[in-house]
PDB file of N, CA and C in Angstrom:
ATOM      1  N   MET A   1      85.485  29.061 -53.448  1.00  0.00           N
ATOM      2  CA  MET A   1      84.907  27.739 -53.269  1.00  0.00           C
ATOM      3  C   MET A   1      83.389  27.877 -53.228  1.00  0.00           C
ATOM      4  N   LYS A   2      82.734  27.066 -54.026  1.00  0.00           N
ATOM      5  CA  LYS A   2      81.280  27.069 -54.106  1.00  0.00           C
ATOM      6  C   LYS A   2      80.684  26.411 -52.860  1.00  0.00           C
ATOM      7  N   SER A   3      79.510  26.907 -52.448  1.00  0.00           N
ATOM      8  CA  SER A   3      78.830  26.298 -51.304  1.00  0.00           C
ATOM      9  C   SER A   3      78.451  24.860 -51.637  1.00  0.00           C
ATOM     10  N   PRO A   4      78.489  23.984 -50.647  1.00  0.00           N
ATOM     11  CA  PRO A   4      78.115  22.592 -50.898  1.00  0.00           C
ATOM     12  C   PRO A   4      76.604  22.432 -51.056  1.00  0.00           C
ATOM     13  N   SER A   5      76.227  21.295 -51.586  1.00  0.00           N
ATOM     14  CA  SER A   5      74.833  20.860 -51.616  1.00  0.00           C
ATOM     15  C   SER A   5      74.728  19.662 -50.694  1.00  0.00           C
ATOM     16  N   ILE A   6      73.565  19.488 -50.088  1.00  0.00           N
ATOM     17  CA  ILE A   6      73.351  18.315 -49.248  1.00  0.00           C
ATOM     18  C   ILE A   6      72.011  17.695 -49.613  1.00  0.00           C
ATOM     19  N   TYR A   7      72.048  16.405 -49.938  1.00  0.00           N
ATOM     20  CA  TYR A   7      70.815  15.632 -50.136  1.00  0.00           C
ATOM     21  C   TYR A   7      70.359  15.265 -48.737  1.00  0.00           C
ATOM     22  N   HIS A   8      69.247  15.870 -48.337  1.00  0.00           N
ATOM     23  CA  HIS A   8      68.862  15.935 -46.928  1.00  0.00           C
ATOM     24  C   HIS A   8      67.459  15.375 -46.698  1.00  0.00           C
ATOM     25  N   ASN A   9      67.346  14.631 -45.604  1.00  0.00           N
ATOM     26  CA  ASN A   9      66.049  14.189 -45.110  1.00  0.00           C
ATOM     27  C   ASN A   9      65.933  14.750 -43.696  1.00  0.00           C
ATOM     28  N   PRO A  10      65.065  15.759 -43.480  1.00  0.00           N
ATOM     29  CA  PRO A  10      64.979  16.385 -42.164  1.00  0.00           C
ATOM     30  C   PRO A  10      64.538  15.436 -41.056  1.00  0.00           C
ATOM     31  N   ARG A  11      63.982  14.279 -41.395  1.00  0.00           N
ATOM     32  CA  ARG A  11      63.558  13.312 -40.376  1.00  0.00           C
ATOM     33  C   ARG A  11      64.704  12.403 -39.938  1.00  0.00           C
ATOM     34  N   CYS A  12      65.833  12.478 -40.624  1.00  0.00           N
ATOM     35  CA  CYS A  12      66.986  11.621 -40.331  1.00  0.00           C
ATOM     36  C   CYS A  12      67.963  12.359 -39.426  1.00  0.00           C
ATOM     37  N   SER A  13      68.287  11.768 -38.284  1.00  0.00           N
ATOM     38  CA  SER A  13      69.189  12.433 -37.339  1.00  0.00           C
ATOM     39  C   SER A  13      70.583  12.625 -37.937  1.00  0.00           C
ATOM     40  N   LYS A  14      71.083  11.665 -38.692  1.00  0.00           N
ATOM     41  CA  LYS A  14      72.418  11.794 -39.297  1.00  0.00           C
ATOM     42  C   LYS A  14      72.433  12.926 -40.322  1.00  0.00           C
ATOM     43  N   SER A  15      71.356  13.060 -41.050  1.00  0.00           N
ATOM     44  CA  SER A  15      71.257  14.132 -42.040  1.00  0.00           C
ATOM     45  C   SER A  15      71.200  15.492 -41.341  1.00  0.00           C
ATOM     46  N   ARG A  16      70.444  15.576 -40.260  1.00  0.00           N
ATOM     47  CA  ARG A  16      70.374  16.832 -39.495  1.00  0.00           C
ATOM     48  C   ARG A  16      71.732  17.173 -38.900  1.00  0.00           C
ATOM     49  N   GLU A  17      72.452  16.166 -38.395  1.00  0.00           N
ATOM     50  CA  GLU A  17      73.787  16.393 -37.825  1.00  0.00           C
ATOM     51  C   GLU A  17      74.755  16.899 -38.892  1.00  0.00           C
ATOM     52  N   ALA A  18      74.708  16.321 -40.078  1.00  0.00           N
ATOM     53  CA  ALA A  18      75.603  16.753 -41.160  1.00  0.00           C
ATOM     54  C   ALA A  18      75.298  18.194 -41.563  1.00  0.00           C
ATOM     55  N   LEU A  19      74.027  18.528 -41.676  1.00  0.00           N
ATOM     56  CA  LEU A  19      73.648  19.896 -42.023  1.00  0.00           C
ATOM     57  C   LEU A  19      74.129  20.873 -40.951  1.00  0.00           C
ATOM     58  N   ALA A  20      73.942  20.526 -39.696  1.00  0.00           N
ATOM     59  CA  ALA A  20      74.390  21.386 -38.595  1.00  0.00           C
ATOM     60  C   ALA A  20      75.905  21.544 -38.612  1.00  0.00           C
ATOM     61  N   LEU A  21      76.618  20.474 -38.925  1.00  0.00           N
ATOM     62  CA  LEU A  21      78.074  20.525 -38.986  1.00  0.00           C
ATOM     63  C   LEU A  21      78.532  21.481 -40.091  1.00  0.00           C
ATOM     64  N   LEU A  22      77.901  21.413 -41.251  1.00  0.00           N
ATOM     65  CA  LEU A  22      78.232  22.329 -42.350  1.00  0.00           C
ATOM     66  C   LEU A  22      77.968  23.772 -41.932  1.00  0.00           C
ATOM     67  N   GLN A  23      76.797  24.009 -41.337  1.00  0.00           N
ATOM     68  CA  GLN A  23      76.434  25.363 -40.934  1.00  0.00           C
ATOM     69  C   GLN A  23      77.354  25.889 -39.837  1.00  0.00           C
ATOM     70  N   ALA A  24      77.784  25.019 -38.935  1.00  0.00           N
ATOM     71  CA  ALA A  24      78.681  25.434 -37.855  1.00  0.00           C
ATOM     72  C   ALA A  24      80.043  25.872 -38.404  1.00  0.00           C
ATOM     73  N   ARG A  25      80.387  25.417 -39.586  1.00  0.00           N
ATOM     74  CA  ARG A  25      81.635  25.817 -40.219  1.00  0.00           C
ATOM     75  C   ARG A  25      81.444  27.007 -41.149  1.00  0.00           C
ATOM     76  N   GLY A  26      80.301  27.676 -41.010  1.00  0.00           N
ATOM     77  CA  GLY A  26      80.048  28.887 -41.776  1.00  0.00           C
ATOM     78  C   GLY A  26      79.619  28.641 -43.211  1.00  0.00           C
ATOM     79  N   LEU A  27      79.304  27.396 -43.539  1.00  0.00           N
ATOM     80  CA  LEU A  27      78.853  27.082 -44.889  1.00  0.00           C
ATOM     81  C   LEU A  27      77.331  27.181 -44.959  1.00  0.00           C
ATOM     82  N   ASN A  28      76.847  27.641 -46.078  1.00  0.00           N
ATOM     83  CA  ASN A  28      75.405  27.773 -46.292  1.00  0.00           C
ATOM     84  C   ASN A  28      75.026  26.841 -47.437  1.00  0.00           C
ATOM     85  N   PRO A  29      74.878  25.553 -47.137  1.00  0.00           N
ATOM     86  CA  PRO A  29      74.660  24.580 -48.208  1.00  0.00           C
ATOM     87  C   PRO A  29      73.287  24.720 -48.861  1.00  0.00           C
ATOM     88  N   LEU A  30      73.247  24.357 -50.131  1.00  0.00           N
ATOM     89  CA  LEU A  30      71.980  24.200 -50.832  1.00  0.00           C
ATOM     90  C   LEU A  30      71.364  22.907 -50.311  1.00  0.00           C
ATOM     91  N   VAL A  31      70.200  23.000 -49.698  1.00  0.00           N
ATOM     92  CA  VAL A  31      69.553  21.829 -49.106  1.00  0.00           C
ATOM     93  C   VAL A  31      68.581  21.249 -50.128  1.00  0.00           C
ATOM     94  N   ILE A  32      68.828  20.018 -50.500  1.00  0.00           N
ATOM     95  CA  ILE A  32      67.970  19.308 -51.446  1.00  0.00           C
ATOM     96  C   ILE A  32      67.186  18.271 -50.648  1.00  0.00           C
ATOM     97  N   GLU A  33      65.917  18.565 -50.403  1.00  0.00           N
ATOM     98  CA  GLU A  33      65.065  17.594 -49.710  1.00  0.00           C
ATOM     99  C   GLU A  33      64.592  16.593 -50.756  1.00  0.00           C
ATOM    100  N   TYR A  34      65.386  15.542 -50.910  1.00  0.00           N
ATOM    101  CA  TYR A  34      65.198  14.608 -52.019  1.00  0.00           C
ATOM    102  C   TYR A  34      63.902  13.805 -51.941  1.00  0.00           C
ATOM    103  N   LEU A  35      63.251  13.770 -50.791  1.00  0.00           N
ATOM    104  CA  LEU A  35      61.951  13.091 -50.743  1.00  0.00           C
ATOM    105  C   LEU A  35      60.869  13.971 -51.375  1.00  0.00           C
ATOM    106  N   LYS A  36      61.063  15.290 -51.332  1.00  0.00           N
ATOM    107  CA  LYS A  36      60.117  16.229 -51.950  1.00  0.00           C
ATOM    108  C   LYS A  36      60.428  16.443 -53.424  1.00  0.00           C
ATOM    109  N   THR A  37      61.716  16.468 -53.773  1.00  0.00           N
ATOM    110  CA  THR A  37      62.149  16.646 -55.161  1.00  0.00           C
ATOM    111  C   THR A  37      63.160  15.547 -55.487  1.00  0.00           C
ATOM    112  N   PRO A  38      62.655  14.368 -55.801  1.00  0.00           N
ATOM    113  CA  PRO A  38      63.547  13.221 -56.032  1.00  0.00           C
ATOM    114  C   PRO A  38      64.471  13.435 -57.226  1.00  0.00           C
ATOM    115  N   PRO A  39      65.717  12.992 -57.101  1.00  0.00           N
ATOM    116  CA  PRO A  39      66.631  13.057 -58.240  1.00  0.00           C
ATOM    117  C   PRO A  39      66.215  12.054 -59.312  1.00  0.00           C
ATOM    118  N   ASP A  40      66.426  12.431 -60.568  1.00  0.00           N
ATOM    119  CA  ASP A  40      66.144  11.489 -61.650  1.00  0.00           C
ATOM    120  C   ASP A  40      67.375  10.611 -61.876  1.00  0.00           C
ATOM    121  N   VAL A  41      67.250   9.684 -62.798  1.00  0.00           N
ATOM    122  CA  VAL A  41      68.339   8.724 -63.036  1.00  0.00           C
ATOM    123  C   VAL A  41      69.613   9.447 -63.466  1.00  0.00           C
ATOM    124  N   ALA A  42      69.498  10.464 -64.306  1.00  0.00           N
ATOM    125  CA  ALA A  42      70.685  11.193 -64.765  1.00  0.00           C
ATOM    126  C   ALA A  42      71.396  11.872 -63.594  1.00  0.00           C
ATOM    127  N   GLU A  43      70.644  12.478 -62.696  1.00  0.00           N
ATOM    128  CA  GLU A  43      71.240  13.126 -61.524  1.00  0.00           C
ATOM    129  C   GLU A  43      71.919  12.084 -60.631  1.00  0.00           C
ATOM    130  N   LEU A  44      71.266  10.932 -60.476  1.00  0.00           N
ATOM    131  CA  LEU A  44      71.855   9.857 -59.676  1.00  0.00           C
ATOM    132  C   LEU A  44      73.124   9.313 -60.330  1.00  0.00           C
ATOM    133  N   GLN A  45      73.154   9.233 -61.655  1.00  0.00           N
ATOM    134  CA  GLN A  45      74.365   8.799 -62.351  1.00  0.00           C
ATOM    135  C   GLN A  45      75.508   9.784 -62.075  1.00  0.00           C
ATOM    136  N   GLY A  46      75.180  11.064 -62.035  1.00  0.00           N
ATOM    137  CA  GLY A  46      76.181  12.074 -61.706  1.00  0.00           C
ATOM    138  C   GLY A  46      76.708  11.900 -60.292  1.00  0.00           C
ATOM    139  N   LEU A  47      75.807  11.599 -59.356  1.00  0.00           N
ATOM    140  CA  LEU A  47      76.234  11.369 -57.970  1.00  0.00           C
ATOM    141  C   LEU A  47      77.153  10.156 -57.870  1.00  0.00           C
ATOM    142  N   VAL A  48      76.788   9.086 -58.538  1.00  0.00           N
ATOM    143  CA  VAL A  48      77.607   7.870 -58.529  1.00  0.00           C
ATOM    144  C   VAL A  48      79.001   8.184 -59.059  1.00  0.00           C
ATOM    145  N   ALA A  49      79.067   8.975 -60.127  1.00  0.00           N
ATOM    146  CA  ALA A  49      80.367   9.335 -60.707  1.00  0.00           C
ATOM    147  C   ALA A  49      81.190  10.166 -59.722  1.00  0.00           C
ATOM    148  N   LEU A  50      80.555  11.139 -59.066  1.00  0.00           N
ATOM    149  CA  LEU A  50      81.269  11.986 -58.099  1.00  0.00           C
ATOM    150  C   LEU A  50      81.717  11.194 -56.876  1.00  0.00           C
ATOM    151  N   LEU A  51      80.890  10.259 -56.450  1.00  0.00           N
ATOM    152  CA  LEU A  51      81.216   9.445 -55.281  1.00  0.00           C
ATOM    153  C   LEU A  51      82.284   8.403 -55.594  1.00  0.00           C
ATOM    154  N   GLY A  52      82.340   7.980 -56.855  1.00  0.00           N
ATOM    155  CA  GLY A  52      83.267   6.915 -57.220  1.00  0.00           C
ATOM    156  C   GLY A  52      82.857   5.577 -56.643  1.00  0.00           C
ATOM    157  N   LEU A  53      81.552   5.397 -56.494  1.00  0.00           N
ATOM    158  CA  LEU A  53      81.010   4.166 -55.903  1.00  0.00           C
ATOM    159  C   LEU A  53      80.008   3.532 -56.857  1.00  0.00           C
ATOM    160  N   PRO A  54      79.785   2.230 -56.746  1.00  0.00           N
ATOM    161  CA  PRO A  54      78.715   1.612 -57.526  1.00  0.00           C
ATOM    162  C   PRO A  54      77.343   2.050 -57.001  1.00  0.00           C
ATOM    163  N   ALA A  55      76.348   1.982 -57.853  1.00  0.00           N
ATOM    164  CA  ALA A  55      74.988   2.397 -57.492  1.00  0.00           C
ATOM    165  C   ALA A  55      74.491   1.676 -56.247  1.00  0.00           C
ATOM    166  N   ARG A  56      74.874   0.435 -56.082  1.00  0.00           N
ATOM    167  CA  ARG A  56      74.407  -0.346 -54.928  1.00  0.00           C
ATOM    168  C   ARG A  56      74.761   0.335 -53.605  1.00  0.00           C
ATOM    169  N   GLU A  57      75.865   1.087 -53.577  1.00  0.00           N
ATOM    170  CA  GLU A  57      76.287   1.785 -52.358  1.00  0.00           C
ATOM    171  C   GLU A  57      75.352   2.943 -51.991  1.00  0.00           C
ATOM    172  N   LEU A  58      74.513   3.368 -52.927  1.00  0.00           N
ATOM    173  CA  LEU A  58      73.551   4.442 -52.648  1.00  0.00           C
ATOM    174  C   LEU A  58      72.274   3.920 -51.998  1.00  0.00           C
ATOM    175  N   LEU A  59      72.113   2.615 -51.977  1.00  0.00           N
ATOM    176  CA  LEU A  59      70.872   2.012 -51.483  1.00  0.00           C
ATOM    177  C   LEU A  59      70.861   1.843 -49.970  1.00  0.00           C
ATOM    178  N   ARG A  60      69.716   2.133 -49.400  1.00  0.00           N
ATOM    179  CA  ARG A  60      69.474   1.857 -47.984  1.00  0.00           C
ATOM    180  C   ARG A  60      68.771   0.505 -47.895  1.00  0.00           C
ATOM    181  N   SER A  61      69.537  -0.520 -47.568  1.00  0.00           N
ATOM    182  CA  SER A  61      68.986  -1.885 -47.566  1.00  0.00           C
ATOM    183  C   SER A  61      68.030  -2.122 -46.403  1.00  0.00           C
ATOM    184  N   SER A  62      67.981  -1.217 -45.451  1.00  0.00           N
ATOM    185  CA  SER A  62      67.078  -1.388 -44.304  1.00  0.00           C
ATOM    186  C   SER A  62      65.647  -0.919 -44.592  1.00  0.00           C
ATOM    187  N   GLU A  63      65.441  -0.280 -45.731  1.00  0.00           N
ATOM    188  CA  GLU A  63      64.092   0.209 -46.060  1.00  0.00           C
ATOM    189  C   GLU A  63      63.218  -0.934 -46.572  1.00  0.00           C
ATOM    190  N   ASP A  64      61.921  -0.882 -46.246  1.00  0.00           N
ATOM    191  CA  ASP A  64      60.974  -1.908 -46.691  1.00  0.00           C
ATOM    192  C   ASP A  64      60.973  -2.053 -48.212  1.00  0.00           C
ATOM    193  N   GLU A  65      61.094  -0.940 -48.927  1.00  0.00           N
ATOM    194  CA  GLU A  65      61.074  -0.968 -50.392  1.00  0.00           C
ATOM    195  C   GLU A  65      62.222  -1.820 -50.944  1.00  0.00           C
ATOM    196  N   TYR A  66      63.352  -1.829 -50.260  1.00  0.00           N
ATOM    197  CA  TYR A  66      64.497  -2.617 -50.710  1.00  0.00           C
ATOM    198  C   TYR A  66      64.110  -4.090 -50.812  1.00  0.00           C
ATOM    199  N   GLN A  67      63.477  -4.605 -49.758  1.00  0.00           N
ATOM    200  CA  GLN A  67      63.045  -6.007 -49.760  1.00  0.00           C
ATOM    201  C   GLN A  67      61.907  -6.223 -50.745  1.00  0.00           C
ATOM    202  N   ARG A  68      60.927  -5.321 -50.705  1.00  0.00           N
ATOM    203  CA  ARG A  68      59.737  -5.464 -51.549  1.00  0.00           C
ATOM    204  C   ARG A  68      60.087  -5.479 -53.036  1.00  0.00           C
ATOM    205  N   LEU A  69      61.069  -4.675 -53.422  1.00  0.00           N
ATOM    206  CA  LEU A  69      61.460  -4.575 -54.832  1.00  0.00           C
ATOM    207  C   LEU A  69      62.526  -5.595 -55.237  1.00  0.00           C
ATOM    208  N   GLY A  70      62.974  -6.410 -54.286  1.00  0.00           N
ATOM    209  CA  GLY A  70      63.962  -7.439 -54.593  1.00  0.00           C
ATOM    210  C   GLY A  70      65.324  -6.867 -54.994  1.00  0.00           C
ATOM    211  N   LEU A  71      65.709  -5.768 -54.379  1.00  0.00           N
ATOM    212  CA  LEU A  71      66.932  -5.086 -54.786  1.00  0.00           C
ATOM    213  C   LEU A  71      68.212  -5.773 -54.326  1.00  0.00           C
ATOM    214  N   ALA A  72      68.102  -6.799 -53.510  1.00  0.00           N
ATOM    215  CA  ALA A  72      69.291  -7.564 -53.118  1.00  0.00           C
ATOM    216  C   ALA A  72      69.774  -8.459 -54.263  1.00  0.00           C
ATOM    217  N   ASP A  73      68.956  -8.605 -55.301  1.00  0.00           N
ATOM    218  CA  ASP A  73      69.288  -9.454 -56.445  1.00  0.00           C
ATOM    219  C   ASP A  73      70.582  -8.964 -57.106  1.00  0.00           C
ATOM    220  N   PRO A  74      71.653  -9.768 -57.064  1.00  0.00           N
ATOM    221  CA  PRO A  74      72.942  -9.324 -57.616  1.00  0.00           C
ATOM    222  C   PRO A  74      72.935  -9.168 -59.138  1.00  0.00           C
ATOM    223  N   SER A  75      71.899  -9.701 -59.809  1.00  0.00           N
ATOM    224  CA  SER A  75      71.858  -9.572 -61.269  1.00  0.00           C
ATOM    225  C   SER A  75      71.351  -8.197 -61.722  1.00  0.00           C
ATOM    226  N   LEU A  76      70.837  -7.389 -60.790  1.00  0.00           N
ATOM    227  CA  LEU A  76      70.361  -6.060 -61.157  1.00  0.00           C
ATOM    228  C   LEU A  76      71.545  -5.162 -61.513  1.00  0.00           C
ATOM    229  N   GLY A  77      71.407  -4.449 -62.618  1.00  0.00           N
ATOM    230  CA  GLY A  77      72.475  -3.569 -63.082  1.00  0.00           C
ATOM    231  C   GLY A  77      72.374  -2.176 -62.475  1.00  0.00           C
ATOM    232  N   GLU A  78      73.373  -1.365 -62.780  1.00  0.00           N
ATOM    233  CA  GLU A  78      73.433   0.007 -62.268  1.00  0.00           C
ATOM    234  C   GLU A  78      72.155   0.791 -62.585  1.00  0.00           C
ATOM    235  N   LEU A  79      71.711   0.717 -63.838  1.00  0.00           N
ATOM    236  CA  LEU A  79      70.518   1.483 -64.226  1.00  0.00           C
ATOM    237  C   LEU A  79      69.271   0.980 -63.518  1.00  0.00           C
ATOM    238  N   ASP A  80      69.174  -0.320 -63.293  1.00  0.00           N
ATOM    239  CA  ASP A  80      68.033  -0.873 -62.551  1.00  0.00           C
ATOM    240  C   ASP A  80      67.994  -0.283 -61.143  1.00  0.00           C
ATOM    241  N   LEU A  81      69.155  -0.250 -60.501  1.00  0.00           N
ATOM    242  CA  LEU A  81      69.221   0.248 -59.124  1.00  0.00           C
ATOM    243  C   LEU A  81      68.934   1.745 -59.063  1.00  0.00           C
ATOM    244  N   LEU A  82      69.499   2.494 -60.002  1.00  0.00           N
ATOM    245  CA  LEU A  82      69.257   3.936 -60.015  1.00  0.00           C
ATOM    246  C   LEU A  82      67.808   4.259 -60.338  1.00  0.00           C
ATOM    247  N   ALA A  83      67.200   3.480 -61.218  1.00  0.00           N
ATOM    248  CA  ALA A  83      65.781   3.682 -61.526  1.00  0.00           C
ATOM    249  C   ALA A  83      64.920   3.415 -60.291  1.00  0.00           C
ATOM    250  N   ALA A  84      65.299   2.408 -59.505  1.00  0.00           N
ATOM    251  CA  ALA A  84      64.561   2.107 -58.273  1.00  0.00           C
ATOM    252  C   ALA A  84      64.680   3.272 -57.285  1.00  0.00           C
ATOM    253  N   ILE A  85      65.871   3.854 -57.163  1.00  0.00           N
ATOM    254  CA  ILE A  85      66.049   4.994 -56.258  1.00  0.00           C
ATOM    255  C   ILE A  85      65.250   6.194 -56.754  1.00  0.00           C
ATOM    256  N   ALA A  86      65.287   6.441 -58.064  1.00  0.00           N
ATOM    257  CA  ALA A  86      64.537   7.571 -58.615  1.00  0.00           C
ATOM    258  C   ALA A  86      63.035   7.415 -58.355  1.00  0.00           C
ATOM    259  N   ALA A  87      62.542   6.187 -58.467  1.00  0.00           N
ATOM    260  CA  ALA A  87      61.108   5.924 -58.255  1.00  0.00           C
ATOM    261  C   ALA A  87      60.745   5.871 -56.774  1.00  0.00           C
ATOM    262  N   HIS A  88      61.715   5.513 -55.938  1.00  0.00           N
ATOM    263  CA  HIS A  88      61.490   5.356 -54.489  1.00  0.00           C
ATOM    264  C   HIS A  88      62.640   6.054 -53.753  1.00  0.00           C
ATOM    265  N   PRO A  89      62.605   7.380 -53.688  1.00  0.00           N
ATOM    266  CA  PRO A  89      63.763   8.119 -53.139  1.00  0.00           C
ATOM    267  C   PRO A  89      64.085   7.804 -51.680  1.00  0.00           C
ATOM    268  N   ILE A  90      63.174   7.183 -50.954  1.00  0.00           N
ATOM    269  CA  ILE A  90      63.474   6.779 -49.573  1.00  0.00           C
ATOM    270  C   ILE A  90      64.662   5.817 -49.553  1.00  0.00           C
ATOM    271  N   LEU A  91      64.941   5.171 -50.692  1.00  0.00           N
ATOM    272  CA  LEU A  91      66.050   4.222 -50.792  1.00  0.00           C
ATOM    273  C   LEU A  91      67.421   4.893 -50.846  1.00  0.00           C
ATOM    274  N   LEU A  92      67.457   6.199 -51.094  1.00  0.00           N
ATOM    275  CA  LEU A  92      68.732   6.902 -51.238  1.00  0.00           C
ATOM    276  C   LEU A  92      69.448   7.032 -49.902  1.00  0.00           C
ATOM    277  N   GLN A  93      70.691   6.598 -49.877  1.00  0.00           N
ATOM    278  CA  GLN A  93      71.528   6.757 -48.690  1.00  0.00           C
ATOM    279  C   GLN A  93      71.648   8.245 -48.364  1.00  0.00           C
ATOM    280  N   ARG A  94      71.714   8.568 -47.097  1.00  0.00           N
ATOM    281  CA  ARG A  94      71.760   9.966 -46.698  1.00  0.00           C
ATOM    282  C   ARG A  94      72.637  10.154 -45.478  1.00  0.00           C
ATOM    283  N   PRO A  95      73.121  11.346 -45.312  1.00  0.00           N
ATOM    284  CA  PRO A  95      73.111  12.473 -46.258  1.00  0.00           C
ATOM    285  C   PRO A  95      74.261  12.339 -47.264  1.00  0.00           C
ATOM    286  N   ILE A  96      74.074  12.934 -48.416  1.00  0.00           N
ATOM    287  CA  ILE A  96      75.135  13.018 -49.412  1.00  0.00           C
ATOM    288  C   ILE A  96      75.469  14.494 -49.576  1.00  0.00           C
ATOM    289  N   VAL A  97      76.740  14.817 -49.440  1.00  0.00           N
ATOM    290  CA  VAL A  97      77.203  16.195 -49.589  1.00  0.00           C
ATOM    291  C   VAL A  97      78.030  16.271 -50.867  1.00  0.00           C
ATOM    292  N   VAL A  98      77.745  17.298 -51.666  1.00  0.00           N
ATOM    293  CA  VAL A  98      78.451  17.515 -52.930  1.00  0.00           C
ATOM    294  C   VAL A  98      79.110  18.885 -52.876  1.00  0.00           C
ATOM    295  N   GLN A  99      80.393  18.921 -53.235  1.00  0.00           N
ATOM    296  CA  GLN A  99      81.096  20.200 -53.297  1.00  0.00           C
ATOM    297  C   GLN A  99      82.276  20.075 -54.256  1.00  0.00           C
ATOM    298  N   ASP A 100      82.406  21.062 -55.119  1.00  0.00           N
ATOM    299  CA  ASP A 100      83.564  21.147 -56.012  1.00  0.00           C
ATOM    300  C   ASP A 100      83.837  19.852 -56.771  1.00  0.00           C
ATOM    301  N   ARG A 101      82.825  19.320 -57.417  1.00  0.00           N
ATOM    302  CA  ARG A 101      82.962  18.129 -58.263  1.00  0.00           C
ATOM    303  C   ARG A 101      83.418  16.888 -57.502  1.00  0.00           C
ATOM    304  N   ARG A 102      82.998  16.800 -56.254  1.00  0.00           N
ATOM    305  CA  ARG A 102      83.239  15.600 -55.460  1.00  0.00           C
ATOM    306  C   ARG A 102      82.053  15.429 -54.526  1.00  0.00           C
ATOM    307  N   ALA A 103      81.877  14.232 -54.037  1.00  0.00           N
ATOM    308  CA  ALA A 103      80.728  13.951 -53.175  1.00  0.00           C
ATOM    309  C   ALA A 103      81.125  12.954 -52.097  1.00  0.00           C
ATOM    310  N   LEU A 104      80.341  12.958 -51.023  1.00  0.00           N
ATOM    311  CA  LEU A 104      80.604  12.085 -49.887  1.00  0.00           C
ATOM    312  C   LEU A 104      79.280  11.664 -49.255  1.00  0.00           C
ATOM    313  N   ILE A 105      79.148  10.375 -48.974  1.00  0.00           N
ATOM    314  CA  ILE A 105      78.043   9.912 -48.136  1.00  0.00           C
ATOM    315  C   ILE A 105      78.507  10.142 -46.703  1.00  0.00           C
ATOM    316  N   ALA A 106      77.886  11.092 -46.035  1.00  0.00           N
ATOM    317  CA  ALA A 106      78.345  11.537 -44.711  1.00  0.00           C
ATOM    318  C   ALA A 106      77.710  10.718 -43.598  1.00  0.00           C
ATOM    319  N   ARG A 107      78.002   9.427 -43.602  1.00  0.00           N
ATOM    320  CA  ARG A 107      77.581   8.518 -42.540  1.00  0.00           C
ATOM    321  C   ARG A 107      78.830   7.844 -42.004  1.00  0.00           C
ATOM    322  N   PRO A 108      79.245   8.177 -40.846  1.00  0.00           N
ATOM    323  CA  PRO A 108      78.687   9.152 -39.914  1.00  0.00           C
ATOM    324  C   PRO A 108      79.031  10.583 -40.352  1.00  0.00           C
ATOM    325  N   PRO A 109      78.270  11.559 -39.874  1.00  0.00           N
ATOM    326  CA  PRO A 109      78.495  12.949 -40.273  1.00  0.00           C
ATOM    327  C   PRO A 109      79.917  13.449 -40.021  1.00  0.00           C
ATOM    328  N   GLU A 110      80.603  12.863 -39.046  1.00  0.00           N
ATOM    329  CA  GLU A 110      81.972  13.276 -38.727  1.00  0.00           C
ATOM    330  C   GLU A 110      82.935  13.080 -39.894  1.00  0.00           C
ATOM    331  N   LEU A 111      82.557  12.234 -40.859  1.00  0.00           N
ATOM    332  CA  LEU A 111      83.392  12.069 -42.048  1.00  0.00           C
ATOM    333  C   LEU A 111      83.600  13.400 -42.764  1.00  0.00           C
ATOM    334  N   LEU A 112      82.655  14.314 -42.607  1.00  0.00           N
ATOM    335  CA  LEU A 112      82.764  15.620 -43.247  1.00  0.00           C
ATOM    336  C   LEU A 112      83.964  16.410 -42.735  1.00  0.00           C
ATOM    337  N   LEU A 113      84.352  16.189 -41.490  1.00  0.00           N
ATOM    338  CA  LEU A 113      85.416  16.993 -40.885  1.00  0.00           C
ATOM    339  C   LEU A 113      86.716  16.911 -41.687  1.00  0.00           C
ATOM    340  N   GLY A 114      87.117  15.732 -42.069  1.00  0.00           N
ATOM    341  CA  GLY A 114      88.333  15.577 -42.837  1.00  0.00           C
ATOM    342  C   GLY A 114      88.150  15.829 -44.313  1.00  0.00           C
ATOM    343  N   TRP A 115      86.924  15.822 -44.763  1.00  0.00           N
ATOM    344  CA  TRP A 115      86.612  15.948 -46.182  1.00  0.00           C
ATOM    345  C   TRP A 115      86.513  17.396 -46.633  1.00  0.00           C
ATOM    346  N   LEU A 116      86.042  18.271 -45.740  1.00  0.00           N
ATOM    347  CA  LEU A 116      85.803  19.676 -46.119  1.00  0.00           C
ATOM    348  C   LEU A 116      87.087  20.419 -46.410  1.00  0.00           C
TER     349      LEU A 116
END
């Protein structure tokens, strides 16, 4: 089994909890600090496919950028939303854990327990 990857924001308590949970289970995840190295649209499309969720589910609606960019507009398509996340990675829901061609938004981090 390949080590998981985690899209991680070290300033987020839920992201830190998920990383600690993975490490406590002896896993050494690849940590992707997505604010430093933002995913591009193609990478985000891959995440959406692995998650089996629409792009809108990747958005953090509580961020100022969400309101400022008018992302609540239901007429925006998948590519519009993914382009907004790529340009403003703070909008990406976190943490996201990827392992073995599947992914999970680990909010709350305890979701990882049954998923691993």
